[in-house]
PDB file of N, CA and C in Angstrom:
ATOM      1  N   MET A   1     103.836 122.384 119.271  1.00  0.00           N
ATOM      2  CA  MET A   1     103.199 121.858 120.466  1.00  0.00           C
ATOM      3  C   MET A   1     101.821 122.494 120.588  1.00  0.00           C
ATOM      4  N   LYS A   2     100.881 121.683 120.995  1.00  0.00           N
ATOM      5  CA  LYS A   2      99.533 122.173 121.217  1.00  0.00           C
ATOM      6  C   LYS A   2      99.167 121.936 122.674  1.00  0.00           C
ATOM      7  N   GLU A   3      98.592 122.951 123.291  1.00  0.00           N
ATOM      8  CA  GLU A   3      98.103 122.833 124.661  1.00  0.00           C
ATOM      9  C   GLU A   3      96.597 122.677 124.631  1.00  0.00           C
ATOM     10  N   ILE A   4      96.117 121.721 125.423  1.00  0.00           N
ATOM     11  CA  ILE A   4      94.672 121.558 125.539  1.00  0.00           C
ATOM     12  C   ILE A   4      94.290 121.572 127.019  1.00  0.00           C
ATOM     13  N   ASN A   5      93.044 121.909 127.278  1.00  0.00           N
ATOM     14  CA  ASN A   5      92.496 121.892 128.628  1.00  0.00           C
ATOM     15  C   ASN A   5      91.665 120.636 128.810  1.00  0.00           C
ATOM     16  N   LEU A   6      91.248 120.402 130.029  1.00  0.00           N
ATOM     17  CA  LEU A   6      90.437 119.216 130.316  1.00  0.00           C
ATOM     18  C   LEU A   6      89.133 119.217 129.528  1.00  0.00           C
ATOM     19  N   ASP A   7      88.640 120.391 129.164  1.00  0.00           N
ATOM     20  CA  ASP A   7      87.414 120.474 128.367  1.00  0.00           C
ATOM     21  C   ASP A   7      87.590 119.819 126.996  1.00  0.00           C
ATOM     22  N   ASP A   8      88.805 119.829 126.485  1.00  0.00           N
ATOM     23  CA  ASP A   8      89.086 119.318 125.140  1.00  0.00           C
ATOM     24  C   ASP A   8      89.590 117.878 125.126  1.00  0.00           C
ATOM     25  N   ILE A   9      89.928 117.350 126.278  1.00  0.00           N
ATOM     26  CA  ILE A   9      90.606 116.053 126.317  1.00  0.00           C
ATOM     27  C   ILE A   9      89.765 114.911 125.749  1.00  0.00           C
ATOM     28  N   GLY A  10      88.458 114.983 125.901  1.00  0.00           N
ATOM     29  CA  GLY A  10      87.592 113.915 125.392  1.00  0.00           C
ATOM     30  C   GLY A  10      87.739 113.709 123.900  1.00  0.00           C
ATOM     31  N   ASP A  11      87.869 114.803 123.156  1.00  0.00           N
ATOM     32  CA  ASP A  11      88.044 114.703 121.702  1.00  0.00           C
ATOM     33  C   ASP A  11      89.342 113.976 121.356  1.00  0.00           C
ATOM     34  N   TYR A  12      90.398 114.249 122.106  1.00  0.00           N
ATOM     35  CA  TYR A  12      91.687 113.608 121.845  1.00  0.00           C
ATOM     36  C   TYR A  12      91.682 112.147 122.277  1.00  0.00           C
ATOM     37  N   ILE A  13      91.014 111.852 123.389  1.00  0.00           N
ATOM     38  CA  ILE A  13      90.905 110.458 123.811  1.00  0.00           C
ATOM     39  C   ILE A  13      90.160 109.658 122.749  1.00  0.00           C
ATOM     40  N   LYS A  14      89.087 110.238 122.233  1.00  0.00           N
ATOM     41  CA  LYS A  14      88.326 109.561 121.180  1.00  0.00           C
ATOM     42  C   LYS A  14      89.199 109.331 119.946  1.00  0.00           C
ATOM     43  N   ALA A  15      89.985 110.325 119.585  1.00  0.00           N
ATOM     44  CA  ALA A  15      90.824 110.216 118.388  1.00  0.00           C
ATOM     45  C   ALA A  15      91.984 109.244 118.576  1.00  0.00           C
ATOM     46  N   LEU A  16      92.457 109.087 119.808  1.00  0.00           N
ATOM     47  CA  LEU A  16      93.656 108.287 120.046  1.00  0.00           C
ATOM     48  C   LEU A  16      93.387 106.938 120.710  1.00  0.00           C
ATOM     49  N   HIS A  17      92.134 106.585 120.894  1.00  0.00           N
ATOM     50  CA  HIS A  17      91.812 105.355 121.621  1.00  0.00           C
ATOM     51  C   HIS A  17      92.152 104.079 120.854  1.00  0.00           C
ATOM     52  N   CYS A  18      92.367 104.188 119.580  1.00  0.00           N
ATOM     53  CA  CYS A  18      92.486 103.008 118.728  1.00  0.00           C
ATOM     54  C   CYS A  18      93.927 102.759 118.295  1.00  0.00           C
ATOM     55  N   GLY A  19      94.337 101.518 118.402  1.00  0.00           N
ATOM     56  CA  GLY A  19      95.701 101.145 118.024  1.00  0.00           C
ATOM     57  C   GLY A  19      96.042 101.423 116.572  1.00  0.00           C
ATOM     58  N   ILE A  20      95.076 101.308 115.694  1.00  0.00           N
ATOM     59  CA  ILE A  20      95.329 101.583 114.276  1.00  0.00           C
ATOM     60  C   ILE A  20      95.751 103.040 114.087  1.00  0.00           C
ATOM     61  N   ARG A  21      95.126 103.932 114.831  1.00  0.00           N
ATOM     62  CA  ARG A  21      95.476 105.358 114.714  1.00  0.00           C
ATOM     63  C   ARG A  21      96.887 105.621 115.213  1.00  0.00           C
ATOM     64  N   TRP A  22      97.313 104.897 116.230  1.00  0.00           N
ATOM     65  CA  TRP A  22      98.689 105.034 116.701  1.00  0.00           C
ATOM     66  C   TRP A  22      99.660 104.496 115.653  1.00  0.00           C
ATOM     67  N   GLN A  23      99.274 103.449 114.946  1.00  0.00           N
ATOM     68  CA  GLN A  23     100.119 102.926 113.867  1.00  0.00           C
ATOM     69  C   GLN A  23     100.239 103.950 112.737  1.00  0.00           C
ATOM     70  N   ILE A  24      99.147 104.640 112.439  1.00  0.00           N
ATOM     71  CA  ILE A  24      99.180 105.689 111.411  1.00  0.00           C
ATOM     72  C   ILE A  24     100.120 106.806 111.849  1.00  0.00           C
ATOM     73  N   ILE A  25      99.985 107.241 113.095  1.00  0.00           N
ATOM     74  CA  ILE A  25     100.850 108.306 113.622  1.00  0.00           C
ATOM     75  C   ILE A  25     102.306 107.876 113.540  1.00  0.00           C
ATOM     76  N   ASP A  26     102.593 106.653 113.949  1.00  0.00           N
ATOM     77  CA  ASP A  26     103.962 106.149 113.913  1.00  0.00           C
ATOM     78  C   ASP A  26     104.513 106.143 112.485  1.00  0.00           C
ATOM     79  N   PHE A  27     103.695 105.747 111.536  1.00  0.00           N
ATOM     80  CA  PHE A  27     104.115 105.713 110.125  1.00  0.00           C
ATOM     81  C   PHE A  27     104.370 107.119 109.584  1.00  0.00           C
ATOM     82  N   LEU A  28     103.580 108.084 110.018  1.00  0.00           N
ATOM     83  CA  LEU A  28     103.729 109.457 109.527  1.00  0.00           C
ATOM     84  C   LEU A  28     104.900 110.194 110.173  1.00  0.00           C
ATOM     85  N   LYS A  29     105.503 109.610 111.206  1.00  0.00           N
ATOM     86  CA  LYS A  29     106.661 110.259 111.842  1.00  0.00           C
ATOM     87  C   LYS A  29     107.805 110.438 110.854  1.00  0.00           C
ATOM     88  N   ASP A  30     107.890 109.550 109.874  1.00  0.00           N
ATOM     89  CA  ASP A  30     108.979 109.610 108.901  1.00  0.00           C
ATOM     90  C   ASP A  30     108.727 110.605 107.779  1.00  0.00           C
ATOM     91  N   GLY A  31     107.543 111.201 107.762  1.00  0.00           N
ATOM     92  CA  GLY A  31     107.237 112.176 106.720  1.00  0.00           C
ATOM     93  C   GLY A  31     105.868 111.930 106.114  1.00  0.00           C
ATOM     94  N   PRO A  32     105.419 112.839 105.264  1.00  0.00           N
ATOM     95  CA  PRO A  32     104.093 112.734 104.654  1.00  0.00           C
ATOM     96  C   PRO A  32     103.925 111.454 103.842  1.00  0.00           C
ATOM     97  N   LYS A  33     102.700 110.934 103.869  1.00  0.00           N
ATOM     98  CA  LYS A  33     102.366 109.719 103.120  1.00  0.00           C
ATOM     99  C   LYS A  33     100.986 109.876 102.493  1.00  0.00           C
ATOM    100  N   THR A  34     100.792 109.212 101.374  1.00  0.00           N
ATOM    101  CA  THR A  34      99.475 109.227 100.730  1.00  0.00           C
ATOM    102  C   THR A  34      98.540 108.274 101.465  1.00  0.00           C
ATOM    103  N   SER A  35      97.261 108.436 101.224  1.00  0.00           N
ATOM    104  CA  SER A  35      96.269 107.521 101.797  1.00  0.00           C
ATOM    105  C   SER A  35      96.565 106.091 101.367  1.00  0.00           C
ATOM    106  N   GLU A  36      96.959 105.912 100.126  1.00  0.00           N
ATOM    107  CA  GLU A  36      97.268 104.578  99.604  1.00  0.00           C
ATOM    108  C   GLU A  36      98.481 103.981 100.315  1.00  0.00           C
ATOM    109  N   GLU A  37      99.516 104.781 100.537  1.00  0.00           N
ATOM    110  CA  GLU A  37     100.699 104.288 101.247  1.00  0.00           C
ATOM    111  C   GLU A  37     100.337 103.864 102.672  1.00  0.00           C
ATOM    112  N   ILE A  38      99.491 104.639 103.322  1.00  0.00           N
ATOM    113  CA  ILE A  38      99.054 104.309 104.684  1.00  0.00           C
ATOM    114  C   ILE A  38      98.258 103.008 104.669  1.00  0.00           C
ATOM    115  N   PHE A  39      97.357 102.878 103.712  1.00  0.00           N
ATOM    116  CA  PHE A  39      96.566 101.651 103.578  1.00  0.00           C
ATOM    117  C   PHE A  39      97.465 100.436 103.391  1.00  0.00           C
ATOM    118  N   LEU A  40      98.418 100.517 102.475  1.00  0.00           N
ATOM    119  CA  LEU A  40      99.318  99.390 102.193  1.00  0.00           C
ATOM    120  C   LEU A  40     100.194  99.064 103.402  1.00  0.00           C
ATOM    121  N   TYR A  41     100.632 100.091 104.121  1.00  0.00           N
ATOM    122  CA  TYR A  41     101.429  99.887 105.328  1.00  0.00           C
ATOM    123  C   TYR A  41     100.623  99.117 106.368  1.00  0.00           C
ATOM    124  N   LEU A  42      99.389  99.548 106.612  1.00  0.00           N
ATOM    125  CA  LEU A  42      98.546  98.879 107.605  1.00  0.00           C
ATOM    126  C   LEU A  42      98.215  97.447 107.180  1.00  0.00           C
ATOM    127  N   LYS A  43      98.006  97.266 105.893  1.00  0.00           N
ATOM    128  CA  LYS A  43      97.707  95.932 105.375  1.00  0.00           C
ATOM    129  C   LYS A  43      98.888  94.989 105.610  1.00  0.00           C
ATOM    130  N   GLU A  44     100.091  95.471 105.357  1.00  0.00           N
ATOM    131  CA  GLU A  44     101.300  94.673 105.571  1.00  0.00           C
ATOM    132  C   GLU A  44     101.550  94.455 107.068  1.00  0.00           C
ATOM    133  N   LEU A  45     101.333  95.497 107.843  1.00  0.00           N
ATOM    134  CA  LEU A  45     101.531  95.408 109.286  1.00  0.00           C
ATOM    135  C   LEU A  45     100.593  94.377 109.904  1.00  0.00           C
ATOM    136  N   ARG A  46      99.407  94.302 109.391  1.00  0.00           N
ATOM    137  CA  ARG A  46      98.389  93.368 109.882  1.00  0.00           C
ATOM    138  C   ARG A  46      98.896  91.923 109.815  1.00  0.00           C
ATOM    139  N   LYS A  47      99.690  91.634 108.807  1.00  0.00           N
ATOM    140  CA  LYS A  47     100.209  90.277 108.648  1.00  0.00           C
ATOM    141  C   LYS A  47     101.237  89.934 109.733  1.00  0.00           C
ATOM    142  N   LYS A  48     101.868  90.965 110.302  1.00  0.00           N
ATOM    143  CA  LYS A  48     102.965  90.754 111.249  1.00  0.00           C
ATOM    144  C   LYS A  48     102.539  90.854 112.716  1.00  0.00           C
ATOM    145  N   ILE A  49     101.458  91.552 112.990  1.00  0.00           N
ATOM    146  CA  ILE A  49     101.085  91.862 114.372  1.00  0.00           C
ATOM    147  C   ILE A  49     100.237  90.764 114.994  1.00  0.00           C
ATOM    148  N   LYS A  50     100.599  90.407 116.204  1.00  0.00           N
ATOM    149  CA  LYS A  50      99.769  89.509 117.003  1.00  0.00           C
ATOM    150  C   LYS A  50      99.043  90.398 118.013  1.00  0.00           C
ATOM    151  N   ILE A  51      97.725  90.354 118.009  1.00  0.00           N
ATOM    152  CA  ILE A  51      96.929  91.243 118.838  1.00  0.00           C
ATOM    153  C   ILE A  51      96.733  90.657 120.234  1.00  0.00           C
ATOM    154  N   ASP A  52      96.985  91.496 121.226  1.00  0.00           N
ATOM    155  CA  ASP A  52      96.696  91.144 122.610  1.00  0.00           C
ATOM    156  C   ASP A  52      95.347  91.779 122.944  1.00  0.00           C
ATOM    157  N   LYS A  53      94.312  90.980 122.932  1.00  0.00           N
ATOM    158  CA  LYS A  53      92.955  91.485 123.123  1.00  0.00           C
ATOM    159  C   LYS A  53      92.732  92.056 124.521  1.00  0.00           C
ATOM    160  N   THR A  54      93.593  91.754 125.458  1.00  0.00           N
ATOM    161  CA  THR A  54      93.425  92.291 126.802  1.00  0.00           C
ATOM    162  C   THR A  54      93.833  93.757 126.885  1.00  0.00           C
ATOM    163  N   GLN A  55      94.586  94.250 125.893  1.00  0.00           N
ATOM    164  CA  GLN A  55      95.027  95.643 125.913  1.00  0.00           C
ATOM    165  C   GLN A  55      93.974  96.603 125.397  1.00  0.00           C
ATOM    166  N   CYS A  56      93.007  96.125 124.678  1.00  0.00           N
ATOM    167  CA  CYS A  56      91.965  96.994 124.129  1.00  0.00           C
ATOM    168  C   CYS A  56      90.614  96.468 124.574  1.00  0.00           C
ATOM    169  N   LYS A  57      89.926  97.250 125.354  1.00  0.00           N
ATOM    170  CA  LYS A  57      88.621  96.829 125.853  1.00  0.00           C
ATOM    171  C   LYS A  57      87.515  97.117 124.839  1.00  0.00           C
ATOM    172  N   GLY A  58      87.824  97.915 123.823  1.00  0.00           N
ATOM    173  CA  GLY A  58      86.852  98.219 122.781  1.00  0.00           C
ATOM    174  C   GLY A  58      86.950  97.218 121.655  1.00  0.00           C
ATOM    175  N   GLY A  59      86.586  97.638 120.476  1.00  0.00           N
ATOM    176  CA  GLY A  59      86.597  96.746 119.327  1.00  0.00           C
ATOM    177  C   GLY A  59      87.790  96.915 118.420  1.00  0.00           C
ATOM    178  N   CYS A  60      88.804  97.632 118.878  1.00  0.00           N
ATOM    179  CA  CYS A  60      89.952  97.921 118.007  1.00  0.00           C
ATOM    180  C   CYS A  60      90.629  96.654 117.504  1.00  0.00           C
ATOM    181  N   HIS A  61      90.730  95.656 118.367  1.00  0.00           N
ATOM    182  CA  HIS A  61      91.410  94.426 117.946  1.00  0.00           C
ATOM    183  C   HIS A  61      90.670  93.753 116.799  1.00  0.00           C
ATOM    184  N   ASN A  62      89.374  93.992 116.696  1.00  0.00           N
ATOM    185  CA  ASN A  62      88.603  93.392 115.602  1.00  0.00           C
ATOM    186  C   ASN A  62      89.071  93.906 114.247  1.00  0.00           C
ATOM    187  N   GLU A  63      89.560  95.154 114.216  1.00  0.00           N
ATOM    188  CA  GLU A  63      90.022  95.703 112.948  1.00  0.00           C
ATOM    189  C   GLU A  63      91.286  95.012 112.470  1.00  0.00           C
ATOM    190  N   PHE A  64      92.064  94.458 113.380  1.00  0.00           N
ATOM    191  CA  PHE A  64      93.266  93.737 112.989  1.00  0.00           C
ATOM    192  C   PHE A  64      92.967  92.278 112.709  1.00  0.00           C
ATOM    193  N   LYS A  65      91.823  91.811 113.159  1.00  0.00           N
ATOM    194  CA  LYS A  65      91.453  90.408 112.959  1.00  0.00           C
ATOM    195  C   LYS A  65      91.038  90.158 111.509  1.00  0.00           C
ATOM    196  N   ASN A  66      90.388  91.126 110.911  1.00  0.00           N
ATOM    197  CA  ASN A  66      89.871  90.981 109.553  1.00  0.00           C
ATOM    198  C   ASN A  66      90.719  91.765 108.558  1.00  0.00           C
ATOM    199  N   GLU A  67      90.477  91.521 107.310  1.00  0.00           N
ATOM    200  CA  GLU A  67      91.142  92.272 106.231  1.00  0.00           C
ATOM    201  C   GLU A  67      90.808  93.753 106.369  1.00  0.00           C
ATOM    202  N   ILE A  68      91.806  94.592 106.309  1.00  0.00           N
ATOM    203  CA  ILE A  68      91.568  96.031 106.418  1.00  0.00           C
ATOM    204  C   ILE A  68      91.025  96.549 105.090  1.00  0.00           C
ATOM    205  N   LYS A  69      90.107  97.461 105.181  1.00  0.00           N
ATOM    206  CA  LYS A  69      89.499  98.049 103.988  1.00  0.00           C
ATOM    207  C   LYS A  69      89.865  99.520 103.908  1.00  0.00           C
ATOM    208  N   LYS A  70      89.921 100.014 102.679  1.00  0.00           N
ATOM    209  CA  LYS A  70      90.303 101.415 102.492  1.00  0.00           C
ATOM    210  C   LYS A  70      89.363 102.367 103.213  1.00  0.00           C
ATOM    211  N   GLN A  71      88.061 102.067 103.206  1.00  0.00           N
ATOM    212  CA  GLN A  71      87.120 102.976 103.860  1.00  0.00           C
ATOM    213  C   GLN A  71      87.386 103.044 105.364  1.00  0.00           C
ATOM    214  N   ASN A  72      87.897 101.966 105.973  1.00  0.00           N
ATOM    215  CA  ASN A  72      88.261 101.997 107.386  1.00  0.00           C
ATOM    216  C   ASN A  72      89.450 102.926 107.620  1.00  0.00           C
ATOM    217  N   VAL A  73      90.419 102.872 106.716  1.00  0.00           N
ATOM    218  CA  VAL A  73      91.591 103.733 106.834  1.00  0.00           C
ATOM    219  C   VAL A  73      91.164 105.192 106.695  1.00  0.00           C
ATOM    220  N   TYR A  74      90.303 105.489 105.734  1.00  0.00           N
ATOM    221  CA  TYR A  74      89.830 106.862 105.555  1.00  0.00           C
ATOM    222  C   TYR A  74      89.114 107.357 106.802  1.00  0.00           C
ATOM    223  N   TYR A  75      88.351 106.486 107.446  1.00  0.00           N
ATOM    224  CA  TYR A  75      87.650 106.847 108.678  1.00  0.00           C
ATOM    225  C   TYR A  75      88.661 107.244 109.765  1.00  0.00           C
ATOM    226  N   HIS A  76      89.688 106.428 109.942  1.00  0.00           N
ATOM    227  CA  HIS A  76      90.696 106.715 110.965  1.00  0.00           C
ATOM    228  C   HIS A  76      91.457 108.001 110.645  1.00  0.00           C
ATOM    229  N   LEU A  77      91.757 108.226 109.387  1.00  0.00           N
ATOM    230  CA  LEU A  77      92.429 109.465 108.995  1.00  0.00           C
ATOM    231  C   LEU A  77      91.560 110.686 109.317  1.00  0.00           C
ATOM    232  N   ARG A  78      90.277 110.596 109.037  1.00  0.00           N
ATOM    233  CA  ARG A  78      89.362 111.715 109.341  1.00  0.00           C
ATOM    234  C   ARG A  78      89.285 111.987 110.835  1.00  0.00           C
ATOM    235  N   GLU A  79      89.273 110.929 111.639  1.00  0.00           N
ATOM    236  CA  GLU A  79      89.202 111.118 113.093  1.00  0.00           C
ATOM    237  C   GLU A  79      90.462 111.805 113.618  1.00  0.00           C
ATOM    238  N   LEU A  80      91.621 111.450 113.089  1.00  0.00           N
ATOM    239  CA  LEU A  80      92.861 112.115 113.488  1.00  0.00           C
ATOM    240  C   LEU A  80      92.906 113.559 112.975  1.00  0.00           C
ATOM    241  N   GLU A  81      92.346 113.760 111.801  1.00  0.00           N
ATOM    242  CA  GLU A  81      92.322 115.110 111.221  1.00  0.00           C
ATOM    243  C   GLU A  81      91.388 116.036 112.010  1.00  0.00           C
ATOM    244  N   LYS A  82      90.273 115.508 112.496  1.00  0.00           N
ATOM    245  CA  LYS A  82      89.294 116.324 113.224  1.00  0.00           C
ATOM    246  C   LYS A  82      89.908 117.092 114.384  1.00  0.00           C
ATOM    247  N   VAL A  83      90.851 116.481 115.084  1.00  0.00           N
ATOM    248  CA  VAL A  83      91.462 117.136 116.236  1.00  0.00           C
ATOM    249  C   VAL A  83      92.808 117.779 115.895  1.00  0.00           C
ATOM    250  N   GLY A  84      93.191 117.714 114.631  1.00  0.00           N
ATOM    251  CA  GLY A  84      94.404 118.393 114.198  1.00  0.00           C
ATOM    252  C   GLY A  84      95.689 117.629 114.425  1.00  0.00           C
ATOM    253  N   ILE A  85      95.614 116.338 114.716  1.00  0.00           N
ATOM    254  CA  ILE A  85      96.829 115.542 114.900  1.00  0.00           C
ATOM    255  C   ILE A  85      97.529 115.343 113.560  1.00  0.00           C
ATOM    256  N   ILE A  86      96.738 115.136 112.515  1.00  0.00           N
ATOM    257  CA  ILE A  86      97.290 115.092 111.160  1.00  0.00           C
ATOM    258  C   ILE A  86      96.559 116.133 110.315  1.00  0.00           C
ATOM    259  N   ILE A  87      97.196 116.536 109.239  1.00  0.00           N
ATOM    260  CA  ILE A  87      96.567 117.470 108.304  1.00  0.00           C
ATOM    261  C   ILE A  87      96.817 117.004 106.874  1.00  0.00           C
ATOM    262  N   LEU A  88      95.956 117.477 106.013  1.00  0.00           N
ATOM    263  CA  LEU A  88      96.116 117.221 104.589  1.00  0.00           C
ATOM    264  C   LEU A  88      97.173 118.189 104.075  1.00  0.00           C
ATOM    265  N   GLU A  89      98.257 117.648 103.550  1.00  0.00           N
ATOM    266  CA  GLU A  89      99.342 118.500 103.058  1.00  0.00           C
ATOM    267  C   GLU A  89      99.114 118.936 101.619  1.00  0.00           C
ATOM    268  N   GLU A  90      98.653 117.982 100.798  1.00  0.00           N
ATOM    269  CA  GLU A  90      98.449 118.291  99.390  1.00  0.00           C
ATOM    270  C   GLU A  90      97.658 117.168  98.729  1.00  0.00           C
ATOM    271  N   TYR A  91      97.307 117.400  97.489  1.00  0.00           N
ATOM    272  CA  TYR A  91      96.720 116.353  96.653  1.00  0.00           C
ATOM    273  C   TYR A  91      97.775 115.943  95.634  1.00  0.00           C
ATOM    274  N   LYS A  92      98.017 114.659  95.543  1.00  0.00           N
ATOM    275  CA  LYS A  92      99.004 114.128  94.602  1.00  0.00           C
ATOM    276  C   LYS A  92      98.255 113.613  93.380  1.00  0.00           C
ATOM    277  N   PRO A  93      98.671 114.019  92.190  1.00  0.00           N
ATOM    278  CA  PRO A  93      97.996 113.526  90.982  1.00  0.00           C
ATOM    279  C   PRO A  93      98.084 112.003  90.899  1.00  0.00           C
ATOM    280  N   SER A  94      97.032 111.411  90.400  1.00  0.00           N
ATOM    281  CA  SER A  94      96.986 109.962  90.244  1.00  0.00           C
ATOM    282  C   SER A  94      96.170 109.646  88.996  1.00  0.00           C
ATOM    283  N   GLU A  95      96.232 108.401  88.556  1.00  0.00           N
ATOM    284  CA  GLU A  95      95.516 108.007  87.334  1.00  0.00           C
ATOM    285  C   GLU A  95      94.008 108.145  87.486  1.00  0.00           C
ATOM    286  N   ARG A  96      93.496 107.814  88.659  1.00  0.00           N
ATOM    287  CA  ARG A  96      92.047 107.869  88.875  1.00  0.00           C
ATOM    288  C   ARG A  96      91.620 109.242  89.363  1.00  0.00           C
ATOM    289  N   ALA A  97      91.918 109.539  90.595  1.00  0.00           N
ATOM    290  CA  ALA A  97      91.545 110.819  91.190  1.00  0.00           C
ATOM    291  C   ALA A  97      92.730 111.300  92.021  1.00  0.00           C
ATOM    292  N   PRO A  98      92.817 112.599  92.252  1.00  0.00           N
ATOM    293  CA  PRO A  98      93.933 113.082  93.083  1.00  0.00           C
ATOM    294  C   PRO A  98      93.924 112.371  94.441  1.00  0.00           C
ATOM    295  N   GLU A  99      95.106 112.042  94.924  1.00  0.00           N
ATOM    296  CA  GLU A  99      95.229 111.317  96.181  1.00  0.00           C
ATOM    297  C   GLU A  99      95.700 112.253  97.285  1.00  0.00           C
ATOM    298  N   LYS A 100      95.101 112.096  98.457  1.00  0.00           N
ATOM    299  CA  LYS A 100      95.463 112.939  99.588  1.00  0.00           C
ATOM    300  C   LYS A 100      96.813 112.513 100.151  1.00  0.00           C
ATOM    301  N   VAL A 101      97.599 113.515 100.521  1.00  0.00           N
ATOM    302  CA  VAL A 101      98.878 113.288 101.185  1.00  0.00           C
ATOM    303  C   VAL A 101      98.749 113.857 102.600  1.00  0.00           C
ATOM    304  N   TRP A 102      98.999 113.010 103.601  1.00  0.00           N
ATOM    305  CA  TRP A 102      98.821 113.368 105.003  1.00  0.00           C
ATOM    306  C   TRP A 102     100.166 113.570 105.682  1.00  0.00           C
ATOM    307  N   LYS A 103     100.173 114.461 106.688  1.00  0.00           N
ATOM    308  CA  LYS A 103     101.372 114.610 107.506  1.00  0.00           C
ATOM    309  C   LYS A 103     100.962 114.907 108.940  1.00  0.00           C
ATOM    310  N   LEU A 104     101.883 114.619 109.853  1.00  0.00           N
ATOM    311  CA  LEU A 104     101.652 114.939 111.255  1.00  0.00           C
ATOM    312  C   LEU A 104     101.610 116.447 111.408  1.00  0.00           C
ATOM    313  N   ASN A 105     100.717 116.914 112.237  1.00  0.00           N
ATOM    314  CA  ASN A 105     100.575 118.338 112.482  1.00  0.00           C
ATOM    315  C   ASN A 105     101.072 118.714 113.876  1.00  0.00           C
ATOM    316  N   LEU A 106     101.208 117.745 114.753  1.00  0.00           N
ATOM    317  CA  LEU A 106     101.634 117.999 116.123  1.00  0.00           C
ATOM    318  C   LEU A 106     102.909 117.237 116.430  1.00  0.00           C
ATOM    319  N   GLU A 107     103.805 117.898 117.117  1.00  0.00           N
ATOM    320  CA  GLU A 107     104.989 117.213 117.623  1.00  0.00           C
ATOM    321  C   GLU A 107     104.758 116.809 119.071  1.00  0.00           C
ATOM    322  N   LYS A 108     104.029 117.662 119.807  1.00  0.00           N
ATOM    323  CA  LYS A 108     103.740 117.404 121.211  1.00  0.00           C
ATOM    324  C   LYS A 108     102.316 117.848 121.511  1.00  0.00           C
ATOM    325  N   LEU A 109     101.730 117.192 122.504  1.00  0.00           N
ATOM    326  CA  LEU A 109     100.415 117.554 122.995  1.00  0.00           C
ATOM    327  C   LEU A 109     100.535 117.707 124.503  1.00  0.00           C
ATOM    328  N   LEU A 110     100.209 118.881 125.002  1.00  0.00           N
ATOM    329  CA  LEU A 110     100.327 119.191 126.425  1.00  0.00           C
ATOM    330  C   LEU A 110      98.926 119.334 127.007  1.00  0.00           C
ATOM    331  N   ILE A 111      98.688 118.663 128.114  1.00  0.00           N
ATOM    332  CA  ILE A 111      97.384 118.728 128.770  1.00  0.00           C
ATOM    333  C   ILE A 111      97.505 119.564 130.035  1.00  0.00           C
ATOM    334  N   ASN A 112      96.726 120.618 130.107  1.00  0.00           N
ATOM    335  CA  ASN A 112      96.672 121.442 131.315  1.00  0.00           C
ATOM    336  C   ASN A 112      95.596 120.885 132.223  1.00  0.00           C
ATOM    337  N   PHE A 113      95.988 120.383 133.374  1.00  0.00           N
ATOM    338  CA  PHE A 113      95.031 119.804 134.300  1.00  0.00           C
ATOM    339  C   PHE A 113      94.412 120.840 135.237  1.00  0.00           C
ATOM    340  N   LYS A 114      94.922 122.036 135.259  1.00  0.00           N
ATOM    341  CA  LYS A 114      94.339 123.082 136.115  1.00  0.00           C
ATOM    342  C   LYS A 114      93.646 124.133 135.292  1.00  0.00           C
TER     343      LYS A 114
END
């Protein structure tokens, strides 16, 4: 569990504002996954999800409207990593270059309002 104060909440709101990041978190609940596995999961999920544009006032729904790209997934992973929600567990050998393996770093997030 991690405790944060109101001074830190903006960073977490920024990291968690996007539905794609919540999908990544949900996928990582079952255990560590490679960047490629996360990409393929989101790509498959995109085919099944119907987006309610009224739930997101930002541009998050646009990411589900178009084909997802690997660089977009890497961006979302970095944003979650910046605040420590996910961490790099290891590098997995691959034919091209070592692949990052991600895992959840937090089980709970507690906000101190005082």
